mmCIF file of all heavy atoms, coordinates in Angstrom:
data_MODEL
# 
_entry.id   MODEL 
# 
loop_
_atom_site.group_PDB 
_atom_site.id 
_atom_site.type_symbol 
_atom_site.label_atom_id 
_atom_site.label_alt_id 
_atom_site.label_comp_id 
_atom_site.label_asym_id 
_atom_site.label_entity_id 
_atom_site.label_seq_id 
_atom_site.pdbx_PDB_ins_code 
_atom_site.Cartn_x 
_atom_site.Cartn_y 
_atom_site.Cartn_z 
_atom_site.occupancy 
_atom_site.B_iso_or_equiv 
_atom_site.pdbx_formal_charge 
_atom_site.auth_seq_id 
_atom_site.auth_comp_id 
_atom_site.auth_asym_id 
_atom_site.auth_atom_id 
_atom_site.pdbx_PDB_model_num 
ATOM 1   N N   . TYR A 1 1  ? -26.545 9.334  -3.846 1.00 0.00 ? 1  TYR A N   1 
ATOM 2   C CA  . TYR A 1 1  ? -26.627 8.112  -3.049 1.00 0.00 ? 1  TYR A CA  1 
ATOM 3   C C   . TYR A 1 1  ? -25.246 7.478  -3.005 1.00 0.00 ? 1  TYR A C   1 
ATOM 4   O O   . TYR A 1 1  ? -24.460 7.601  -3.953 1.00 0.00 ? 1  TYR A O   1 
ATOM 5   C CB  . TYR A 1 1  ? -27.637 7.127  -3.648 1.00 0.00 ? 1  TYR A CB  1 
ATOM 6   C CG  . TYR A 1 1  ? -29.042 7.667  -3.628 1.00 0.00 ? 1  TYR A CG  1 
ATOM 7   C CD1 . TYR A 1 1  ? -29.534 8.402  -4.708 1.00 0.00 ? 1  TYR A CD1 1 
ATOM 8   C CD2 . TYR A 1 1  ? -29.865 7.472  -2.530 1.00 0.00 ? 1  TYR A CD2 1 
ATOM 9   C CE1 . TYR A 1 1  ? -30.815 8.921  -4.689 1.00 0.00 ? 1  TYR A CE1 1 
ATOM 10  C CE2 . TYR A 1 1  ? -31.152 7.993  -2.498 1.00 0.00 ? 1  TYR A CE2 1 
ATOM 11  C CZ  . TYR A 1 1  ? -31.623 8.715  -3.576 1.00 0.00 ? 1  TYR A CZ  1 
ATOM 12  O OH  . TYR A 1 1  ? -32.889 9.236  -3.547 1.00 0.00 ? 1  TYR A OH  1 
ATOM 13  N N   . CYS A 1 2  ? -24.958 6.794  -1.932 1.00 0.00 ? 2  CYS A N   1 
ATOM 14  C CA  . CYS A 1 2  ? -23.665 6.148  -1.772 1.00 0.00 ? 2  CYS A CA  1 
ATOM 15  C C   . CYS A 1 2  ? -23.543 4.981  -2.750 1.00 0.00 ? 2  CYS A C   1 
ATOM 16  O O   . CYS A 1 2  ? -24.412 4.103  -2.774 1.00 0.00 ? 2  CYS A O   1 
ATOM 17  C CB  . CYS A 1 2  ? -23.498 5.649  -0.335 1.00 0.00 ? 2  CYS A CB  1 
ATOM 18  S SG  . CYS A 1 2  ? -21.929 4.795  -0.069 1.00 0.00 ? 2  CYS A SG  1 
ATOM 19  N N   . PRO A 1 3  ? -22.460 4.950  -3.559 1.00 0.00 ? 3  PRO A N   1 
ATOM 20  C CA  . PRO A 1 3  ? -22.283 3.837  -4.491 1.00 0.00 ? 3  PRO A CA  1 
ATOM 21  C C   . PRO A 1 3  ? -21.902 2.535  -3.780 1.00 0.00 ? 3  PRO A C   1 
ATOM 22  O O   . PRO A 1 3  ? -21.948 1.470  -4.388 1.00 0.00 ? 3  PRO A O   1 
ATOM 23  C CB  . PRO A 1 3  ? -21.152 4.318  -5.401 1.00 0.00 ? 3  PRO A CB  1 
ATOM 24  C CG  . PRO A 1 3  ? -20.395 5.293  -4.582 1.00 0.00 ? 3  PRO A CG  1 
ATOM 25  C CD  . PRO A 1 3  ? -21.395 5.941  -3.674 1.00 0.00 ? 3  PRO A CD  1 
ATOM 26  N N   . HIS A 1 4  ? -21.543 2.608  -2.504 1.00 0.00 ? 4  HIS A N   1 
ATOM 27  C CA  . HIS A 1 4  ? -21.144 1.428  -1.744 1.00 0.00 ? 4  HIS A CA  1 
ATOM 28  C C   . HIS A 1 4  ? -22.329 0.751  -1.054 1.00 0.00 ? 4  HIS A C   1 
ATOM 29  O O   . HIS A 1 4  ? -22.470 -0.465 -1.108 1.00 0.00 ? 4  HIS A O   1 
ATOM 30  C CB  . HIS A 1 4  ? -20.079 1.786  -0.699 1.00 0.00 ? 4  HIS A CB  1 
ATOM 31  C CG  . HIS A 1 4  ? -18.908 2.502  -1.282 1.00 0.00 ? 4  HIS A CG  1 
ATOM 32  N ND1 . HIS A 1 4  ? -17.985 1.901  -2.104 1.00 0.00 ? 4  HIS A ND1 1 
ATOM 33  C CD2 . HIS A 1 4  ? -18.529 3.803  -1.178 1.00 0.00 ? 4  HIS A CD2 1 
ATOM 34  C CE1 . HIS A 1 4  ? -17.075 2.795  -2.478 1.00 0.00 ? 4  HIS A CE1 1 
ATOM 35  N NE2 . HIS A 1 4  ? -17.392 3.956  -1.939 1.00 0.00 ? 4  HIS A NE2 1 
ATOM 36  N N   . CYS A 1 5  ? -23.188 1.569  -0.406 1.00 0.00 ? 5  CYS A N   1 
ATOM 37  C CA  . CYS A 1 5  ? -24.289 0.986  0.376  1.00 0.00 ? 5  CYS A CA  1 
ATOM 38  C C   . CYS A 1 5  ? -25.672 1.417  -0.091 1.00 0.00 ? 5  CYS A C   1 
ATOM 39  O O   . CYS A 1 5  ? -26.674 0.829  0.304  1.00 0.00 ? 5  CYS A O   1 
ATOM 40  C CB  . CYS A 1 5  ? -24.121 1.315  1.858  1.00 0.00 ? 5  CYS A CB  1 
ATOM 41  S SG  . CYS A 1 5  ? -24.435 3.060  2.262  1.00 0.00 ? 5  CYS A SG  1 
ATOM 42  N N   . GLY A 1 6  ? -25.752 2.460  -0.921 1.00 0.00 ? 6  GLY A N   1 
ATOM 43  C CA  . GLY A 1 6  ? -27.035 2.905  -1.444 1.00 0.00 ? 6  GLY A CA  1 
ATOM 44  C C   . GLY A 1 6  ? -27.759 3.941  -0.596 1.00 0.00 ? 6  GLY A C   1 
ATOM 45  O O   . GLY A 1 6  ? -28.817 4.426  -0.989 1.00 0.00 ? 6  GLY A O   1 
ATOM 46  N N   . ASN A 1 7  ? -27.223 4.293  0.565  1.00 0.00 ? 7  ASN A N   1 
ATOM 47  C CA  . ASN A 1 7  ? -27.878 5.291  1.427  1.00 0.00 ? 7  ASN A CA  1 
ATOM 48  C C   . ASN A 1 7  ? -27.845 6.674  0.796  1.00 0.00 ? 7  ASN A C   1 
ATOM 49  O O   . ASN A 1 7  ? -26.918 7.021  0.068  1.00 0.00 ? 7  ASN A O   1 
ATOM 50  C CB  . ASN A 1 7  ? -27.183 5.363  2.791  1.00 0.00 ? 7  ASN A CB  1 
ATOM 51  C CG  . ASN A 1 7  ? -27.609 4.256  3.728  1.00 0.00 ? 7  ASN A CG  1 
ATOM 52  O OD1 . ASN A 1 7  ? -28.443 3.422  3.385  1.00 0.00 ? 7  ASN A OD1 1 
ATOM 53  N ND2 . ASN A 1 7  ? -27.030 4.248  4.905  1.00 0.00 ? 7  ASN A ND2 1 
ATOM 54  N N   . LYS A 1 8  ? -28.891 7.471  1.107  1.00 0.00 ? 8  LYS A N   1 
ATOM 55  C CA  . LYS A 1 8  ? -28.931 8.863  0.657  1.00 0.00 ? 8  LYS A CA  1 
ATOM 56  C C   . LYS A 1 8  ? -27.836 9.621  1.386  1.00 0.00 ? 8  LYS A C   1 
ATOM 57  O O   . LYS A 1 8  ? -27.607 9.429  2.569  1.00 0.00 ? 8  LYS A O   1 
ATOM 58  C CB  . LYS A 1 8  ? -30.303 9.478  0.953  1.00 0.00 ? 8  LYS A CB  1 
ATOM 59  C CG  . LYS A 1 8  ? -30.432 10.922 0.511  1.00 0.00 ? 8  LYS A CG  1 
ATOM 60  C CD  . LYS A 1 8  ? -31.706 11.140 -0.258 1.00 0.00 ? 8  LYS A CD  1 
ATOM 61  C CE  . LYS A 1 8  ? -31.894 12.590 -0.630 1.00 0.00 ? 8  LYS A CE  1 
ATOM 62  N NZ  . LYS A 1 8  ? -31.186 12.963 -1.827 1.00 0.00 ? 8  LYS A NZ  1 
ATOM 63  N N   . LEU A 1 9  ? -27.131 10.457 0.649  1.00 0.00 ? 9  LEU A N   1 
ATOM 64  C CA  . LEU A 1 9  ? -26.015 11.208 1.211  1.00 0.00 ? 9  LEU A CA  1 
ATOM 65  C C   . LEU A 1 9  ? -26.485 12.489 1.879  1.00 0.00 ? 9  LEU A C   1 
ATOM 66  O O   . LEU A 1 9  ? -27.525 13.046 1.512  1.00 0.00 ? 9  LEU A O   1 
ATOM 67  C CB  . LEU A 1 9  ? -25.016 11.547 0.111  1.00 0.00 ? 9  LEU A CB  1 
ATOM 68  C CG  . LEU A 1 9  ? -24.447 10.364 -0.662 1.00 0.00 ? 9  LEU A CG  1 
ATOM 69  C CD1 . LEU A 1 9  ? -23.563 10.851 -1.797 1.00 0.00 ? 9  LEU A CD1 1 
ATOM 70  C CD2 . LEU A 1 9  ? -23.678 9.433  0.258  1.00 0.00 ? 9  LEU A CD2 1 
ATOM 71  N N   . ILE A 1 10 ? -25.727 12.946 2.849  1.00 0.00 ? 10 ILE A N   1 
ATOM 72  C CA  . ILE A 1 10 ? -25.944 14.242 3.472  1.00 0.00 ? 10 ILE A CA  1 
ATOM 73  C C   . ILE A 1 10 ? -24.825 15.169 3.004  1.00 0.00 ? 10 ILE A C   1 
ATOM 74  O O   . ILE A 1 10 ? -23.859 14.730 2.390  1.00 0.00 ? 10 ILE A O   1 
ATOM 75  C CB  . ILE A 1 10 ? -25.946 14.134 5.023  1.00 0.00 ? 10 ILE A CB  1 
ATOM 76  C CG1 . ILE A 1 10 ? -24.560 13.693 5.517  1.00 0.00 ? 10 ILE A CG1 1 
ATOM 77  C CG2 . ILE A 1 10 ? -27.042 13.202 5.502  1.00 0.00 ? 10 ILE A CG2 1 
ATOM 78  C CD1 . ILE A 1 10 ? -24.316 13.930 6.998  1.00 0.00 ? 10 ILE A CD1 1 
ATOM 79  N N   . LYS A 1 11 ? -24.950 16.446 3.294  1.00 0.00 ? 11 LYS A N   1 
ATOM 80  C CA  . LYS A 1 11 ? -23.866 17.387 3.039  1.00 0.00 ? 11 LYS A CA  1 
ATOM 81  C C   . LYS A 1 11 ? -23.108 17.555 4.352  1.00 0.00 ? 11 LYS A C   1 
ATOM 82  O O   . LYS A 1 11 ? -23.703 17.806 5.394  1.00 0.00 ? 11 LYS A O   1 
ATOM 83  C CB  . LYS A 1 11 ? -24.396 18.742 2.571  1.00 0.00 ? 11 LYS A CB  1 
ATOM 84  C CG  . LYS A 1 11 ? -25.062 18.710 1.220  1.00 0.00 ? 11 LYS A CG  1 
ATOM 85  C CD  . LYS A 1 11 ? -24.035 18.594 0.130  1.00 0.00 ? 11 LYS A CD  1 
ATOM 86  C CE  . LYS A 1 11 ? -24.694 18.729 -1.240 1.00 0.00 ? 11 LYS A CE  1 
ATOM 87  N NZ  . LYS A 1 11 ? -23.772 18.652 -2.325 1.00 0.00 ? 11 LYS A NZ  1 
ATOM 88  N N   . LYS A 1 12 ? -21.782 17.381 4.299  1.00 0.00 ? 12 LYS A N   1 
ATOM 89  C CA  . LYS A 1 12 ? -20.956 17.509 5.486  1.00 0.00 ? 12 LYS A CA  1 
ATOM 90  C C   . LYS A 1 12 ? -19.768 18.397 5.146  1.00 0.00 ? 12 LYS A C   1 
ATOM 91  O O   . LYS A 1 12 ? -19.156 18.244 4.085  1.00 0.00 ? 12 LYS A O   1 
ATOM 92  C CB  . LYS A 1 12 ? -20.465 16.136 5.950  1.00 0.00 ? 12 LYS A CB  1 
ATOM 93  C CG  . LYS A 1 12 ? -19.605 16.188 7.199  1.00 0.00 ? 12 LYS A CG  1 
ATOM 94  C CD  . LYS A 1 12 ? -19.211 14.801 7.667  1.00 0.00 ? 12 LYS A CD  1 
ATOM 95  C CE  . LYS A 1 12 ? -18.345 14.900 8.921  1.00 0.00 ? 12 LYS A CE  1 
ATOM 96  N NZ  . LYS A 1 12 ? -17.941 13.581 9.384  1.00 0.00 ? 12 LYS A NZ  1 
ATOM 97  N N   . GLU A 1 13 ? -19.440 19.316 6.049  1.00 0.00 ? 13 GLU A N   1 
ATOM 98  C CA  . GLU A 1 13 ? -18.306 20.189 5.820  1.00 0.00 ? 13 GLU A CA  1 
ATOM 99  C C   . GLU A 1 13 ? -17.016 19.394 6.002  1.00 0.00 ? 13 GLU A C   1 
ATOM 100 O O   . GLU A 1 13 ? -16.792 18.771 7.035  1.00 0.00 ? 13 GLU A O   1 
ATOM 101 C CB  . GLU A 1 13 ? -18.338 21.386 6.764  1.00 0.00 ? 13 GLU A CB  1 
ATOM 102 C CG  . GLU A 1 13 ? -17.365 22.454 6.357  1.00 0.00 ? 13 GLU A CG  1 
ATOM 103 C CD  . GLU A 1 13 ? -17.609 23.789 7.053  1.00 0.00 ? 13 GLU A CD  1 
ATOM 104 O OE1 . GLU A 1 13 ? -18.413 23.849 7.989  1.00 0.00 ? 13 GLU A OE1 1 
ATOM 105 O OE2 . GLU A 1 13 ? -16.985 24.770 6.630  1.00 0.00 ? 13 GLU A OE2 1 
ATOM 106 N N   . ILE A 1 14 ? -16.183 19.417 4.959  1.00 0.00 ? 14 ILE A N   1 
ATOM 107 C CA  . ILE A 1 14 ? -14.926 18.668 4.956  1.00 0.00 ? 14 ILE A CA  1 
ATOM 108 C C   . ILE A 1 14 ? -13.777 19.664 4.764  1.00 0.00 ? 14 ILE A C   1 
ATOM 109 O O   . ILE A 1 14 ? -13.487 20.092 3.645  1.00 0.00 ? 14 ILE A O   1 
ATOM 110 C CB  . ILE A 1 14 ? -14.882 17.618 3.816  1.00 0.00 ? 14 ILE A CB  1 
ATOM 111 C CG1 . ILE A 1 14 ? -16.108 16.726 3.815  1.00 0.00 ? 14 ILE A CG1 1 
ATOM 112 C CG2 . ILE A 1 14 ? -13.574 16.824 3.862  1.00 0.00 ? 14 ILE A CG2 1 
ATOM 113 C CD1 . ILE A 1 14 ? -16.166 15.702 4.930  1.00 0.00 ? 14 ILE A CD1 1 
ATOM 114 N N   . GLY A 1 15 ? -13.131 20.055 5.842  1.00 0.00 ? 15 GLY A N   1 
ATOM 115 C CA  . GLY A 1 15 ? -11.973 20.953 5.777  1.00 0.00 ? 15 GLY A CA  1 
ATOM 116 C C   . GLY A 1 15 ? -12.200 22.156 4.899  1.00 0.00 ? 15 GLY A C   1 
ATOM 117 O O   . GLY A 1 15 ? -13.255 22.805 4.971  1.00 0.00 ? 15 GLY A O   1 
ATOM 118 N N   . ASP A 1 16 ? -11.226 22.460 4.067  1.00 0.00 ? 16 ASP A N   1 
ATOM 119 C CA  . ASP A 1 16 ? -11.301 23.618 3.170  1.00 0.00 ? 16 ASP A CA  1 
ATOM 120 C C   . ASP A 1 16 ? -12.187 23.377 1.954  1.00 0.00 ? 16 ASP A C   1 
ATOM 121 O O   . ASP A 1 16 ? -12.421 24.282 1.163  1.00 0.00 ? 16 ASP A O   1 
ATOM 122 C CB  . ASP A 1 16 ? -9.891  23.982 2.660  1.00 0.00 ? 16 ASP A CB  1 
ATOM 123 C CG  . ASP A 1 16 ? -8.985  24.475 3.767  1.00 0.00 ? 16 ASP A CG  1 
ATOM 124 O OD1 . ASP A 1 16 ? -9.496  24.930 4.801  1.00 0.00 ? 16 ASP A OD1 1 
ATOM 125 O OD2 . ASP A 1 16 ? -7.757  24.401 3.584  1.00 0.00 ? 16 ASP A OD2 1 
ATOM 126 N N   . GLU A 1 17 ? -12.655 22.148 1.776  1.00 0.00 ? 17 GLU A N   1 
ATOM 127 C CA  . GLU A 1 17 ? -13.447 21.789 0.597  1.00 0.00 ? 17 GLU A CA  1 
ATOM 128 C C   . GLU A 1 17 ? -14.888 22.295 0.672  1.00 0.00 ? 17 GLU A C   1 
ATOM 129 O O   . GLU A 1 17 ? -15.593 22.306 -0.327 1.00 0.00 ? 17 GLU A O   1 
ATOM 130 C CB  . GLU A 1 17 ? -13.454 20.266 0.400  1.00 0.00 ? 17 GLU A CB  1 
ATOM 131 C CG  . GLU A 1 17 ? -12.084 19.662 0.224  1.00 0.00 ? 17 GLU A CG  1 
ATOM 132 C CD  . GLU A 1 17 ? -11.347 20.190 -0.995 1.00 0.00 ? 17 GLU A CD  1 
ATOM 133 O OE1 . GLU A 1 17 ? -11.978 20.409 -2.034 1.00 0.00 ? 17 GLU A OE1 1 
ATOM 134 O OE2 . GLU A 1 17 ? -10.122 20.375 -0.893 1.00 0.00 ? 17 GLU A OE2 1 
ATOM 135 N N   . GLY A 1 18 ? -15.350 22.656 1.842  1.00 0.00 ? 18 GLY A N   1 
ATOM 136 C CA  . GLY A 1 18 ? -16.732 23.089 2.012  1.00 0.00 ? 18 GLY A CA  1 
ATOM 137 C C   . GLY A 1 18 ? -17.636 21.890 2.242  1.00 0.00 ? 18 GLY A C   1 
ATOM 138 O O   . GLY A 1 18 ? -17.198 20.846 2.738  1.00 0.00 ? 18 GLY A O   1 
ATOM 139 N N   . PHE A 1 19 ? -18.912 22.041 1.877  1.00 0.00 ? 19 PHE A N   1 
ATOM 140 C CA  . PHE A 1 19 ? -19.880 20.971 2.099  1.00 0.00 ? 19 PHE A CA  1 
ATOM 141 C C   . PHE A 1 19 ? -19.820 19.965 0.951  1.00 0.00 ? 19 PHE A C   1 
ATOM 142 O O   . PHE A 1 19 ? -19.993 20.324 -0.213 1.00 0.00 ? 19 PHE A O   1 
ATOM 143 C CB  . PHE A 1 19 ? -21.289 21.544 2.273  1.00 0.00 ? 19 PHE A CB  1 
ATOM 144 C CG  . PHE A 1 19 ? -21.466 22.210 3.603  1.00 0.00 ? 19 PHE A CG  1 
ATOM 145 C CD1 . PHE A 1 19 ? -21.183 23.561 3.773  1.00 0.00 ? 19 PHE A CD1 1 
ATOM 146 C CD2 . PHE A 1 19 ? -21.883 21.468 4.696  1.00 0.00 ? 19 PHE A CD2 1 
ATOM 147 C CE1 . PHE A 1 19 ? -21.323 24.165 5.014  1.00 0.00 ? 19 PHE A CE1 1 
ATOM 148 C CE2 . PHE A 1 19 ? -22.029 22.062 5.940  1.00 0.00 ? 19 PHE A CE2 1 
ATOM 149 C CZ  . PHE A 1 19 ? -21.743 23.411 6.099  1.00 0.00 ? 19 PHE A CZ  1 
ATOM 150 N N   . ILE A 1 20 ? -19.569 18.722 1.305  1.00 0.00 ? 20 ILE A N   1 
ATOM 151 C CA  . ILE A 1 20 ? -19.358 17.630 0.351  1.00 0.00 ? 20 ILE A CA  1 
ATOM 152 C C   . ILE A 1 20 ? -20.399 16.542 0.614  1.00 0.00 ? 20 ILE A C   1 
ATOM 153 O O   . ILE A 1 20 ? -20.745 16.276 1.773  1.00 0.00 ? 20 ILE A O   1 
ATOM 154 C CB  . ILE A 1 20 ? -17.944 17.019 0.570  1.00 0.00 ? 20 ILE A CB  1 
ATOM 155 C CG1 . ILE A 1 20 ? -16.856 18.086 0.400  1.00 0.00 ? 20 ILE A CG1 1 
ATOM 156 C CG2 . ILE A 1 20 ? -17.688 15.837 -0.367 1.00 0.00 ? 20 ILE A CG2 1 
ATOM 157 C CD1 . ILE A 1 20 ? -16.755 18.681 -0.967 1.00 0.00 ? 20 ILE A CD1 1 
ATOM 158 N N   . PRO A 1 21 ? -20.911 15.883 -0.444 1.00 0.00 ? 21 PRO A N   1 
ATOM 159 C CA  . PRO A 1 21 ? -21.781 14.728 -0.211 1.00 0.00 ? 21 PRO A CA  1 
ATOM 160 C C   . PRO A 1 21 ? -21.036 13.701 0.661  1.00 0.00 ? 21 PRO A C   1 
ATOM 161 O O   . PRO A 1 21 ? -19.866 13.398 0.407  1.00 0.00 ? 21 PRO A O   1 
ATOM 162 C CB  . PRO A 1 21 ? -22.045 14.179 -1.616 1.00 0.00 ? 21 PRO A CB  1 
ATOM 163 C CG  . PRO A 1 21 ? -21.818 15.347 -2.522 1.00 0.00 ? 21 PRO A CG  1 
ATOM 164 C CD  . PRO A 1 21 ? -20.724 16.145 -1.875 1.00 0.00 ? 21 PRO A CD  1 
ATOM 165 N N   . PHE A 1 22 ? -21.739 13.181 1.677  1.00 0.00 ? 22 PHE A N   1 
ATOM 166 C CA  . PHE A 1 22 ? -21.097 12.310 2.665  1.00 0.00 ? 22 PHE A CA  1 
ATOM 167 C C   . PHE A 1 22 ? -22.042 11.175 3.035  1.00 0.00 ? 22 PHE A C   1 
ATOM 168 O O   . PHE A 1 22 ? -23.233 11.384 3.239  1.00 0.00 ? 22 PHE A O   1 
ATOM 169 C CB  . PHE A 1 22 ? -20.764 13.130 3.922  1.00 0.00 ? 22 PHE A CB  1 
ATOM 170 C CG  . PHE A 1 22 ? -19.963 12.388 4.941  1.00 0.00 ? 22 PHE A CG  1 
ATOM 171 C CD1 . PHE A 1 22 ? -18.579 12.348 4.860  1.00 0.00 ? 22 PHE A CD1 1 
ATOM 172 C CD2 . PHE A 1 22 ? -20.578 11.727 5.991  1.00 0.00 ? 22 PHE A CD2 1 
ATOM 173 C CE1 . PHE A 1 22 ? -17.828 11.663 5.803  1.00 0.00 ? 22 PHE A CE1 1 
ATOM 174 C CE2 . PHE A 1 22 ? -19.845 11.041 6.944  1.00 0.00 ? 22 PHE A CE2 1 
ATOM 175 C CZ  . PHE A 1 22 ? -18.461 11.009 6.846  1.00 0.00 ? 22 PHE A CZ  1 
ATOM 176 N N   . CYS A 1 23 ? -21.498 9.958  3.117  1.00 0.00 ? 23 CYS A N   1 
ATOM 177 C CA  . CYS A 1 23 ? -22.291 8.807  3.544  1.00 0.00 ? 23 CYS A CA  1 
ATOM 178 C C   . CYS A 1 23 ? -22.019 8.567  5.021  1.00 0.00 ? 23 CYS A C   1 
ATOM 179 O O   . CYS A 1 23 ? -20.899 8.219  5.410  1.00 0.00 ? 23 CYS A O   1 
ATOM 180 C CB  . CYS A 1 23 ? -21.932 7.557  2.735  1.00 0.00 ? 23 CYS A CB  1 
ATOM 181 S SG  . CYS A 1 23 ? -22.871 6.103  3.269  1.00 0.00 ? 23 CYS A SG  1 
ATOM 182 N N   . GLU A 1 24 ? -23.059 8.737  5.835  1.00 0.00 ? 24 GLU A N   1 
ATOM 183 C CA  . GLU A 1 24 ? -22.917 8.518  7.284  1.00 0.00 ? 24 GLU A CA  1 
ATOM 184 C C   . GLU A 1 24 ? -22.711 7.038  7.586  1.00 0.00 ? 24 GLU A C   1 
ATOM 185 O O   . GLU A 1 24 ? -21.992 6.696  8.525  1.00 0.00 ? 24 GLU A O   1 
ATOM 186 C CB  . GLU A 1 24 ? -24.156 9.037  8.019  1.00 0.00 ? 24 GLU A CB  1 
ATOM 187 C CG  . GLU A 1 24 ? -24.287 10.543 7.966  1.00 0.00 ? 24 GLU A CG  1 
ATOM 188 C CD  . GLU A 1 24 ? -25.536 11.049 8.661  1.00 0.00 ? 24 GLU A CD  1 
ATOM 189 O OE1 . GLU A 1 24 ? -26.650 10.694 8.196  1.00 0.00 ? 24 GLU A OE1 1 
ATOM 190 O OE2 . GLU A 1 24 ? -25.392 11.776 9.661  1.00 0.00 ? 24 GLU A OE2 1 
ATOM 191 N N   . ASN A 1 25 ? -23.318 6.167  6.797  1.00 0.00 ? 25 ASN A N   1 
ATOM 192 C CA  . ASN A 1 25 ? -23.194 4.727  7.027  1.00 0.00 ? 25 ASN A CA  1 
ATOM 193 C C   . ASN A 1 25 ? -21.762 4.229  6.768  1.00 0.00 ? 25 ASN A C   1 
ATOM 194 O O   . ASN A 1 25 ? -21.201 3.476  7.561  1.00 0.00 ? 25 ASN A O   1 
ATOM 195 C CB  . ASN A 1 25 ? -24.190 3.961  6.143  1.00 0.00 ? 25 ASN A CB  1 
ATOM 196 C CG  . ASN A 1 25 ? -24.195 2.481  6.426  1.00 0.00 ? 25 ASN A CG  1 
ATOM 197 O OD1 . ASN A 1 25 ? -24.354 2.052  7.559  1.00 0.00 ? 25 ASN A OD1 1 
ATOM 198 N ND2 . ASN A 1 25 ? -24.008 1.687  5.383  1.00 0.00 ? 25 ASN A ND2 1 
# 
């Protein structure tokens, strides 16, 4: 969960790092 807003995170591909937890909000 996002420590800033509390939303459940999704997995998003971030460059060479692969899929990273990501807050859409």
